[in-house]
Protein backbone atom coordinates (compact mmCIF):
# COMPACT_ATOMS: atom_id res chain seq x y z
CA UNK A 1 8.18 31.50 -7.83
CA UNK A 2 4.62 31.92 -9.10
CA UNK A 3 2.26 29.24 -10.45
CA UNK A 4 -0.94 30.06 -12.34
CA UNK A 5 -3.57 27.31 -12.24
CA UNK A 6 -6.76 26.93 -14.30
CA UNK A 7 -8.79 26.28 -11.16
CA UNK A 8 -8.50 25.95 -7.40
CA UNK A 9 -6.53 22.88 -6.38
CA UNK A 10 -6.08 22.45 -2.64
CA UNK A 11 -3.65 19.58 -3.23
CA UNK A 12 -1.21 21.50 -5.43
CA UNK A 13 1.36 22.41 -2.77
CA UNK A 14 1.36 18.82 -1.50
CA UNK A 15 1.94 17.61 -5.06
CA UNK A 16 5.06 19.79 -5.25
CA UNK A 17 6.54 17.58 -2.53
CA UNK A 18 6.48 14.55 -4.84
CA UNK A 19 9.94 13.20 -5.80
CA UNK A 20 9.08 13.74 -9.47
CA UNK A 21 9.09 17.50 -8.80
CA UNK A 22 12.66 17.49 -7.45
CA UNK A 23 15.02 20.29 -8.48
CA UNK A 24 17.16 19.42 -11.50
CA UNK A 25 19.74 21.26 -13.57
CA UNK A 26 18.19 23.55 -16.18
CA UNK A 27 21.34 23.26 -18.28
CA UNK A 28 21.18 19.45 -18.19
CA UNK A 29 17.57 19.40 -19.36
CA UNK A 30 18.08 22.02 -22.08
CA UNK A 31 21.03 20.02 -23.42
CA UNK A 32 18.83 16.96 -23.91
CA UNK A 33 19.77 15.02 -20.78
CA UNK A 34 17.73 11.87 -20.07
CA UNK A 35 16.41 12.00 -16.50
CA UNK A 36 15.09 8.43 -16.80
CA UNK A 37 18.65 7.10 -17.10
CA UNK A 38 21.01 9.72 -15.68
CA UNK A 39 21.05 10.39 -11.95
CA UNK A 40 21.07 14.12 -11.31
CA UNK A 41 20.21 15.87 -8.05
CA UNK A 42 21.41 17.76 -5.00
CA UNK A 43 21.54 14.95 -2.44
CA UNK A 44 24.26 13.66 -0.15
CA UNK A 45 25.26 10.79 -2.44
CA UNK A 46 26.15 10.23 -6.09
CA UNK A 47 25.41 7.06 -8.04
CA UNK A 48 28.64 5.24 -8.93
CA UNK A 49 27.24 2.05 -10.42
CA UNK A 50 23.82 0.63 -11.19
CA UNK A 51 23.17 -2.89 -12.45
CA UNK A 52 19.42 -3.13 -12.92
CA UNK A 53 17.72 -5.75 -10.73
CA UNK A 54 21.04 -6.53 -9.02
CA UNK A 55 22.72 -3.67 -7.15
CA UNK A 56 23.46 0.05 -6.94
CA UNK A 57 26.52 1.67 -5.35
CA UNK A 58 26.65 5.23 -4.01
CA UNK A 59 29.41 7.45 -2.62
CA UNK A 60 29.45 10.76 -0.78
CA UNK A 61 28.77 13.84 -2.89
CA UNK A 62 31.66 16.16 -2.04
CA UNK A 63 29.61 19.11 -3.32
CA UNK A 64 26.69 18.34 -1.01
CA UNK A 65 25.36 21.49 0.62
CA UNK A 66 24.36 19.89 3.94
CA UNK A 67 26.11 18.13 6.82
CA UNK A 68 28.55 15.41 5.85
CA UNK A 69 27.05 11.94 6.47
CA UNK A 70 28.77 9.41 8.72
CA UNK A 71 28.64 6.68 6.08
CA UNK A 72 30.42 7.73 2.89
CA UNK A 73 29.59 4.64 0.79
CA UNK A 74 26.33 2.75 0.42
CA UNK A 75 25.75 -0.52 -1.41
CA UNK A 76 22.18 -1.53 -2.19
CA UNK A 77 21.40 -5.08 -3.29
CA UNK A 78 18.22 -6.31 -4.96
CA UNK A 79 17.17 -9.55 -3.22
CA UNK A 80 13.56 -10.51 -4.05
CA UNK A 81 12.93 -12.93 -1.17
CA UNK A 82 12.40 -11.52 2.33
CA UNK A 83 14.02 -14.57 3.94
CA UNK A 84 17.17 -14.15 1.83
CA UNK A 85 17.38 -10.46 2.71
CA UNK A 86 17.24 -11.41 6.36
CA UNK A 87 19.98 -14.02 5.93
CA UNK A 88 22.23 -11.33 4.42
CA UNK A 89 21.92 -9.27 7.61
CA UNK A 90 22.29 -12.30 9.88
CA UNK A 91 25.51 -13.32 8.12
CA UNK A 92 26.96 -9.81 8.21
CA UNK A 93 26.78 -9.37 4.44
CA UNK A 94 24.49 -6.36 4.80
CA UNK A 95 23.64 -3.95 7.62
CA UNK A 96 19.97 -3.36 6.82
CA UNK A 97 17.19 -5.34 5.13
CA UNK A 98 14.05 -3.62 3.87
CA UNK A 99 10.53 -5.01 3.45
CA UNK A 100 10.76 -7.80 5.98
CA UNK A 101 7.94 -10.35 5.96
CA UNK A 102 5.81 -10.27 9.15
CA UNK A 103 6.52 -14.00 9.57
CA UNK A 104 10.16 -13.11 10.24
CA UNK A 105 9.43 -10.71 13.12
CA UNK A 106 9.80 -13.35 15.83
CA UNK A 107 13.15 -14.65 14.57
CA UNK A 108 14.53 -11.10 14.41
CA UNK A 109 13.42 -10.32 17.95
CA UNK A 110 15.00 -13.55 19.23
CA UNK A 111 18.36 -12.89 17.54
CA UNK A 112 20.73 -10.94 19.81
CA UNK A 113 22.73 -9.73 16.80
CA UNK A 114 19.73 -8.09 15.12
CA UNK A 115 17.17 -5.43 15.88
CA UNK A 116 13.73 -4.90 14.41
CA UNK A 117 12.95 -1.43 13.09
CA UNK A 118 9.31 -0.59 12.52
CA UNK A 119 7.06 2.39 11.94
CA UNK A 120 3.45 2.81 10.87
CA UNK A 121 3.41 3.71 7.19
CA UNK A 122 0.79 5.23 4.88
CA UNK A 123 -0.52 2.02 3.32
CA UNK A 124 -3.94 0.38 3.45
CA UNK A 125 -4.03 -3.38 2.81
CA UNK A 126 -7.33 -4.67 1.45
CA UNK A 127 -9.31 -7.26 -0.47
CA UNK A 128 -11.11 -5.74 -3.44
CA UNK A 129 -14.36 -6.99 -4.97
CA UNK A 130 -14.90 -6.88 -8.74
CA UNK A 131 -18.19 -4.97 -8.85
CA UNK A 132 -18.41 -5.24 -12.64
CA UNK A 133 -19.28 -8.96 -12.70
CA UNK A 134 -21.37 -11.42 -10.75
CA UNK A 135 -21.71 -12.11 -7.93
CA UNK A 136 -20.08 -8.99 -6.47
CA UNK A 137 -22.07 -6.56 -8.58
CA UNK A 138 -24.59 -7.30 -5.82
CA UNK A 139 -23.84 -5.62 -2.49
CA UNK A 140 -25.46 -8.51 -0.62
CA UNK A 141 -22.78 -10.86 -1.99
CA UNK A 142 -20.06 -8.50 -0.78
CA UNK A 143 -21.69 -8.32 2.63
CA UNK A 144 -21.83 -12.11 2.75
CA UNK A 145 -18.07 -12.46 2.24
CA UNK A 146 -17.32 -9.73 4.78
CA UNK A 147 -19.43 -11.52 7.39
CA UNK A 148 -17.90 -14.90 6.55
CA UNK A 149 -14.25 -13.87 7.01
CA UNK A 150 -12.53 -13.60 10.38
CA UNK A 151 -10.23 -10.70 9.52
CA UNK A 152 -8.92 -10.34 13.05
CA UNK A 153 -7.65 -13.93 12.91
CA UNK A 154 -5.99 -13.27 9.53
CA UNK A 155 -4.36 -10.12 10.88
CA UNK A 156 -2.96 -11.94 13.91
CA UNK A 157 -1.83 -15.05 12.01
CA UNK A 158 -0.47 -13.59 8.77
CA UNK A 159 0.53 -10.07 9.73
CA UNK A 160 1.60 -11.03 13.25
CA UNK A 161 -0.27 -7.94 14.53
CA UNK A 162 2.06 -5.72 12.50
CA UNK A 163 0.12 -2.52 11.89
CA UNK A 164 -3.49 -2.00 12.98
CA UNK A 165 -6.80 -3.41 11.77
CA UNK A 166 -8.31 -1.11 9.15
CA UNK A 167 -11.83 0.23 8.80
CA UNK A 168 -11.50 3.18 6.41
CA UNK A 169 -9.72 3.67 3.08
CA UNK A 170 -7.97 6.70 4.61
CA UNK A 171 -4.90 5.74 6.64
CA UNK A 172 -4.81 7.44 10.08
CA UNK A 173 -1.57 9.18 9.04
CA UNK A 174 -3.74 11.33 6.75
CA UNK A 175 -5.98 14.22 7.79
CA UNK A 176 -9.71 13.56 8.11
CA UNK A 177 -9.31 9.80 8.54
CA UNK A 178 -12.27 8.07 10.21
CA UNK A 179 -10.17 5.03 11.09
CA UNK A 180 -10.82 5.61 14.79
CA UNK A 181 -14.56 6.06 14.31
CA UNK A 182 -15.62 3.45 11.74
CA UNK A 183 -15.52 -0.08 13.09
CA UNK A 184 -13.67 -2.96 11.38
CA UNK A 185 -16.02 -5.46 9.76
CA UNK A 186 -16.66 -8.45 12.04
CA UNK A 187 -17.33 -12.11 11.31
CA UNK A 188 -20.94 -13.19 11.84
CA UNK A 189 -21.56 -16.79 10.78
CA UNK A 190 -25.36 -16.79 10.89
CA UNK A 191 -25.62 -13.48 9.08
CA UNK A 192 -23.16 -14.71 6.44
CA UNK A 193 -25.28 -17.83 5.78
CA UNK A 194 -28.39 -15.68 5.43
CA UNK A 195 -26.64 -13.28 3.04
CA UNK A 196 -25.15 -16.08 0.90
CA UNK A 197 -28.67 -17.46 0.46
CA UNK A 198 -30.06 -14.02 -0.47
CA UNK A 199 -27.23 -13.50 -2.97
CA UNK A 200 -27.91 -16.96 -4.47
CA UNK A 201 -24.35 -18.10 -3.73
CA UNK A 202 -24.89 -21.80 -3.10
CA UNK A 203 -22.85 -24.73 -1.84
CA UNK A 204 -20.12 -25.73 -4.31
CA UNK A 205 -20.05 -22.23 -5.82
CA UNK A 206 -16.58 -21.28 -7.09
CA UNK A 207 -15.05 -17.84 -6.69
CA UNK A 208 -11.59 -16.62 -7.63
CA UNK A 209 -9.18 -14.41 -5.74
CA UNK A 210 -6.11 -13.08 -7.54
CA UNK A 211 -2.85 -12.38 -5.73
CA UNK A 212 0.58 -11.27 -6.85
CA UNK A 213 3.69 -13.29 -6.10
CA UNK A 214 3.73 -11.98 -2.53
CA UNK A 215 3.79 -14.63 0.17
CA UNK A 216 1.94 -12.55 2.76
CA UNK A 217 -0.97 -12.04 0.38
CA UNK A 218 -0.92 -15.67 -0.66
CA UNK A 219 -1.23 -16.57 3.03
CA UNK A 220 -4.22 -14.23 3.41
CA UNK A 221 -5.92 -15.83 0.40
CA UNK A 222 -5.24 -19.32 1.75
CA UNK A 223 -6.82 -18.48 5.11
CA UNK A 224 -9.85 -17.03 3.31
CA UNK A 225 -10.04 -20.22 1.25
CA UNK A 226 -10.16 -22.32 4.43
CA UNK A 227 -12.74 -20.10 6.12
CA UNK A 228 -15.08 -20.07 3.12
CA UNK A 229 -15.07 -23.87 2.97
CA UNK A 230 -17.26 -23.73 6.09
CA UNK A 231 -19.94 -22.14 3.90
CA UNK A 232 -19.51 -24.56 1.00
CA UNK A 233 -17.69 -21.94 -1.07
CA UNK A 234 -14.74 -23.06 -3.19
CA UNK A 235 -12.29 -20.15 -3.38
CA UNK A 236 -9.70 -20.61 -6.11
CA UNK A 237 -6.44 -18.78 -5.40
CA UNK A 238 -4.79 -17.52 -8.60
CA UNK A 239 -1.16 -16.55 -7.98
CA UNK A 240 0.57 -14.53 -10.71
CA UNK A 241 3.79 -12.58 -11.14
CA UNK A 242 3.23 -8.84 -10.89
CA UNK A 243 2.90 -8.01 -14.60
CA UNK A 244 0.44 -10.82 -15.30
CA UNK A 245 -1.43 -9.97 -12.09
CA UNK A 246 -1.94 -6.36 -13.19
CA UNK A 247 -3.04 -7.44 -16.68
CA UNK A 248 -5.60 -9.83 -15.21
CA UNK A 249 -7.04 -7.11 -12.96
CA UNK A 250 -7.28 -4.64 -15.85
CA UNK A 251 -9.14 -7.30 -17.84
CA UNK A 252 -11.53 -7.89 -14.95
CA UNK A 253 -10.80 -11.63 -14.82
CA UNK A 254 -11.10 -11.76 -11.03
CA UNK A 255 -13.89 -11.96 -8.48
CA UNK A 256 -11.60 -10.66 -5.74
CA UNK A 257 -8.00 -9.51 -5.40
CA UNK A 258 -5.55 -8.58 -2.66
CA UNK A 259 -3.53 -5.39 -2.82
CA UNK A 260 -2.39 -2.38 -0.83
CA UNK A 261 -2.69 1.31 -1.58
CA UNK A 262 -0.08 3.88 -0.59
CA UNK A 263 -0.36 7.21 -2.44
CA UNK A 264 2.88 9.03 -3.10
CA UNK A 265 1.29 12.43 -2.43
CA UNK A 266 0.29 12.84 1.21
CA UNK A 267 -3.16 14.33 0.81
CA UNK A 268 -6.51 12.67 1.51
CA UNK A 269 -7.67 13.41 -2.04
CA UNK A 270 -5.09 10.97 -3.39
CA UNK A 271 -6.17 8.31 -0.89
CA UNK A 272 -9.62 8.39 -2.50
CA UNK A 273 -9.42 9.62 -6.09
CA UNK A 274 -7.39 6.85 -7.71
CA UNK A 275 -8.97 3.82 -5.99
CA UNK A 276 -12.60 4.99 -6.01
CA UNK A 277 -13.37 7.72 -8.57
CA UNK A 278 -15.26 6.37 -11.59
CA UNK A 279 -12.73 8.06 -13.90
CA UNK A 280 -10.27 5.37 -12.83
CA UNK A 281 -12.26 2.18 -13.39
CA UNK A 282 -9.82 -0.51 -14.41
CA UNK A 283 -6.87 1.71 -13.56
CA UNK A 284 -4.87 0.77 -10.49
CA UNK A 285 -5.92 0.47 -7.85
CA UNK A 286 -9.59 0.86 -8.92
CA UNK A 287 -9.73 -2.73 -10.05
CA UNK A 288 -13.05 -3.02 -8.21
CA UNK A 289 -14.55 -1.08 -11.17
CA UNK A 290 -16.41 0.89 -8.51
CA UNK A 291 -18.27 4.03 -9.51
CA UNK A 292 -20.67 6.18 -7.52
CA UNK A 293 -21.67 9.62 -8.86
CA UNK A 294 -22.28 11.01 -5.38
CA UNK A 295 -18.81 9.90 -4.34
CA UNK A 296 -17.27 11.36 -7.51
CA UNK A 297 -18.83 14.71 -6.65
CA UNK A 298 -17.45 14.63 -3.11
CA UNK A 299 -13.95 13.69 -4.24
CA UNK A 300 -13.98 16.48 -6.83
CA UNK A 301 -15.25 19.01 -4.30
CA UNK A 302 -12.43 18.16 -1.90
CA UNK A 303 -9.83 19.79 -4.13
CA UNK A 304 -11.87 22.93 -4.76
CA UNK A 305 -11.65 24.55 -1.34
CA UNK A 306 -8.86 25.44 1.06
CA UNK A 307 -11.32 25.65 3.96
CA UNK A 308 -10.16 22.92 6.33
CA UNK A 309 -13.56 22.44 7.96
CA UNK A 310 -15.22 22.01 4.56
CA UNK A 311 -12.59 19.53 3.38
CA UNK A 312 -13.05 17.58 6.62
CA UNK A 313 -16.82 17.40 6.10
CA UNK A 314 -16.41 16.35 2.45
CA UNK A 315 -13.87 13.60 3.08
CA UNK A 316 -15.71 12.23 6.09
CA UNK A 317 -18.87 11.91 3.98
CA UNK A 318 -16.83 10.18 1.29
CA UNK A 319 -15.38 7.66 3.74
CA UNK A 320 -18.81 6.79 5.14
CA UNK A 321 -20.18 6.30 1.63
CA UNK A 322 -17.33 3.96 0.68
CA UNK A 323 -17.72 2.07 3.97
CA UNK A 324 -21.41 1.56 3.19
CA UNK A 325 -20.89 0.56 -0.48
CA UNK A 326 -18.17 -1.92 0.48
CA UNK A 327 -15.92 -2.11 -2.62
CA UNK A 328 -13.10 -3.15 -0.28
CA UNK A 329 -12.84 -5.51 2.66
CA UNK A 330 -10.16 -3.91 4.82
CA UNK A 331 -7.26 -5.85 6.29
CA UNK A 332 -4.90 -3.42 8.01
CA UNK A 333 -2.91 -0.22 7.95
CA UNK A 334 0.63 -1.27 7.20
CA UNK A 335 3.85 -1.00 9.09
CA UNK A 336 7.32 -0.51 7.62
CA UNK A 337 9.46 -3.44 8.80
CA UNK A 338 13.24 -3.58 8.55
CA UNK A 339 15.89 -5.83 10.07
CA UNK A 340 19.17 -4.20 11.08
CA UNK A 341 22.49 -5.24 12.53
CA UNK A 342 22.63 -4.40 16.24
CA UNK A 343 25.70 -2.27 15.46
CA UNK A 344 23.87 0.00 13.04
CA UNK A 345 23.10 3.31 14.79
CA UNK A 346 19.45 4.15 15.33
CA UNK A 347 17.94 6.72 12.98
CA UNK A 348 14.62 8.47 12.40
CA UNK A 349 12.68 6.22 10.06
CA UNK A 350 10.46 7.50 7.29
CA UNK A 351 6.92 6.14 6.87
CA UNK A 352 7.96 3.85 4.03
CA UNK A 353 11.05 2.31 2.48
CA UNK A 354 12.59 5.46 0.98
CA UNK A 355 14.91 6.22 3.89
CA UNK A 356 17.31 9.13 4.42
CA UNK A 357 20.55 7.24 4.90
CA UNK A 358 22.49 10.45 5.41
CA UNK A 359 20.77 10.70 8.81
CA UNK A 360 22.27 7.45 10.13
CA UNK A 361 24.84 8.69 12.64
């Protein structure tokens, strides 16, 4: 197979690994098949039934080219609340629960009938500043918040030490990450007071932080709210369902927001381009409206060479520039958390929630 590109793109082969580039039937496509509705592939299972937002049932694909899986039938249920997913496993209704809340880690570990499955994933959890409106168009104001917040305490209390404290926008699972070199921002009360004064953020000032309907992020915002009270800052927590949350961020209604970033293509370019390139202002996750021409140049250059040493130099410069400009206040690099029945065989987890169930043996 031969591809002809208009220009050098060092990320192209990585992009071919995206699920959207999966092999499909030429005949199906040419006959007008709808890939958004019809399930068509070469995997170990076929889709028997799908009720949107409720459940999906799969059975073994007898034409599968690989080894026959141990489990021939899989039922997937959609259960929005983490606690309810956990109850399903505890009661024996399900064998595996995905996306477990960190607050449930202790109860899983104390239950003899369950086991906790975890693996560092590719996500970066962060608090973003809206740099398009006051006061966070001023770097001093961003520095003030960073020095006022005890992120280590938030990480221990809310995330239950699940993952690792973050210091770079590039997750350590990616090449060229400076996560081990750049230091996490630290709380400094006296410096924060000085910076709030310089930024003209006075007692009784009100700021807003927007969060989706995600309890972990609500808990982070609540702890920030309590910590900022010590500086006379009133932080209003605005909790919205996901669609309304995204609309509000696109509109720039917020001062701050809480989110995570987990690119679906495993290349450092995608860690940086979408959240930080000025082409993407107001497009998720660049809801900081951050733009820096020097950074844009670096990000663009990173795709234009296959020389590993040059890419390393480029992306390290980019990370240091972002660290200095401070569009994000980092929380942590995430961890995939799942609760399983003790009887479910162990399997090699993927760094995320798209697991290969055919490998459970």
